[in-house]
Protein backbone atom coordinates (compact mmCIF):
# COMPACT_ATOMS: atom_id res chain seq x y z
CA MET A 1 19.90 31.21 -67.92
CA GLU A 2 21.90 32.13 -64.90
CA TYR A 3 20.03 31.44 -61.43
CA ARG A 4 19.89 34.18 -58.78
CA GLU A 5 18.69 32.80 -55.55
CA LYS A 6 15.83 34.56 -54.13
CA ASN A 7 15.56 35.21 -50.45
CA VAL A 8 12.09 33.53 -49.58
CA ALA A 9 11.24 36.00 -46.53
CA LEU A 10 11.67 39.20 -48.58
CA CYS A 11 9.31 37.38 -51.52
CA ILE A 12 6.46 36.84 -48.81
CA VAL A 13 7.05 40.31 -47.61
CA PHE A 14 7.08 42.04 -51.10
CA THR A 15 3.75 39.87 -51.93
CA ILE A 16 2.12 41.07 -48.70
CA ILE A 17 2.82 44.84 -49.20
CA THR A 18 2.24 44.91 -52.86
CA CYS A 19 -1.08 43.31 -52.23
CA GLY A 20 -0.23 40.08 -54.01
CA ILE A 21 1.00 42.02 -57.41
CA TYR A 22 4.69 40.53 -56.70
CA GLY A 23 2.97 37.17 -56.09
CA LEU A 24 2.09 37.23 -59.64
CA TYR A 25 5.72 38.04 -60.88
CA TRP A 26 7.07 35.06 -58.24
CA LEU A 27 4.52 32.76 -60.15
CA VAL A 28 6.09 33.44 -63.31
CA THR A 29 9.55 33.22 -62.28
CA LEU A 30 9.16 30.21 -60.37
CA ASN A 31 7.80 28.49 -63.54
CA ASP A 32 10.33 29.66 -65.78
CA GLU A 33 13.10 28.54 -63.32
CA MET A 34 11.48 25.03 -62.61
CA MET A 35 11.25 24.62 -66.46
CA ASP A 36 15.08 25.53 -66.74
CA VAL A 37 15.98 23.07 -63.97
CA THR A 38 13.74 20.30 -65.18
CA ARG A 39 14.60 21.10 -69.12
CA GLU A 40 11.05 20.47 -69.73
CA GLU A 41 9.30 21.96 -72.61
CA GLY A 42 6.22 23.25 -71.27
CA THR A 43 3.84 26.40 -70.43
CA SER A 44 5.56 29.37 -70.04
CA GLY A 45 5.15 31.29 -66.74
CA LEU A 46 3.28 34.11 -68.42
CA LEU A 47 0.70 31.76 -70.03
CA VAL A 48 0.62 30.17 -66.32
CA LEU A 49 -0.37 33.57 -65.03
CA VAL A 50 -2.94 34.29 -68.02
CA LEU A 51 -4.64 30.92 -67.47
CA THR A 52 -4.91 30.87 -63.64
CA ILE A 53 -6.29 34.34 -63.97
CA VAL A 54 -8.79 33.38 -67.07
CA THR A 55 -9.95 30.37 -65.17
CA CYS A 56 -10.34 32.05 -61.73
CA GLY A 57 -7.92 30.31 -60.06
CA ILE A 58 -8.39 26.80 -61.04
CA TYR A 59 -5.24 26.48 -63.56
CA GLY A 60 -3.16 27.65 -60.51
CA LEU A 61 -4.33 24.78 -58.57
CA TYR A 62 -3.15 22.30 -61.26
CA TRP A 63 0.12 24.14 -61.74
CA CYS A 64 0.88 23.94 -58.21
CA TYR A 65 0.29 20.09 -58.31
CA GLN A 66 2.41 20.11 -61.46
CA MET A 67 5.22 21.93 -59.78
CA GLY A 68 5.16 19.42 -56.84
CA LYS A 69 5.84 16.51 -58.88
CA ARG A 70 8.72 18.41 -60.56
CA VAL A 71 9.94 19.21 -56.95
CA ASP A 72 10.16 15.63 -56.25
CA TRP A 73 11.87 14.94 -59.62
CA MET A 74 14.33 17.73 -58.78
CA ASN A 75 14.95 16.65 -55.01
CA SER A 76 15.55 13.04 -56.22
CA THR A 77 18.34 14.26 -58.67
CA TYR A 78 20.53 15.09 -55.68
CA GLY A 79 19.76 12.28 -53.44
CA ARG A 80 16.98 14.08 -51.38
CA HIS A 81 13.77 11.71 -51.03
CA THR A 82 10.36 13.72 -51.22
CA ASP A 83 7.14 12.14 -52.43
CA ASN A 84 3.56 13.44 -53.18
CA SER A 85 4.66 17.06 -52.86
CA GLY A 86 2.37 17.69 -55.73
CA LEU A 87 -0.67 16.92 -53.35
CA LEU A 88 0.48 18.49 -50.58
CA TYR A 89 0.77 22.03 -52.68
CA LEU A 90 -2.55 21.07 -53.89
CA VAL A 91 -4.23 20.88 -50.61
CA VAL A 92 -2.24 23.65 -49.05
CA SER A 93 -3.48 25.91 -52.24
CA LEU A 94 -7.17 24.75 -51.95
CA LEU A 95 -6.94 25.81 -48.14
CA GLY A 96 -6.08 29.30 -49.55
CA PHE A 97 -2.34 29.15 -48.53
CA SER A 98 -0.65 29.50 -52.11
CA ILE A 99 2.02 31.94 -50.82
CA VAL A 100 3.21 28.86 -48.47
CA VAL A 101 3.38 26.73 -51.69
CA TYR A 102 5.21 29.33 -53.63
CA ALA A 103 7.65 29.95 -50.54
CA VAL A 104 8.16 26.13 -50.43
CA MET A 105 9.02 25.92 -53.91
CA GLN A 106 11.35 28.68 -54.05
CA TYR A 107 13.20 27.12 -51.03
CA GLU A 108 13.40 23.98 -52.68
CA LEU A 109 14.85 25.58 -55.93
CA ASN A 110 17.32 27.32 -53.78
CA GLN A 111 18.51 24.03 -52.19
CA TYR A 112 18.58 22.45 -55.54
CA HIS A 113 20.99 24.98 -56.98
CA ARG A 114 23.13 25.15 -53.76
CA ASN A 115 23.41 21.26 -54.05
CA MET A 116 24.00 20.91 -57.74
CA LEU A 117 25.88 24.07 -58.65
CA GLY A 118 28.22 24.15 -55.39
């Protein structure tokens, strides 16, 4: 799968002007792109979305925590140390700022691809 860098600011703006609908798409693509980077077999982005909706957001909190652990792994592959991103993402999401978590994840994915793919 070829990676196309997303502009974080535009993703935030689109999420706000679509009343969160773009945010659902963003969640799906973030999950799938992260799974490609980490080469893990796991839950697809669409299933993450369905489980988050069915559990009234509880699965989304777990997902944010797991994605933070993947971001830490991803950063370590190109020599950048981050620690406990999962806990940070969980706390920020619990406070109701999941869009901030998505923005940070997207930024980290963009950075990874810049560093690893030139």
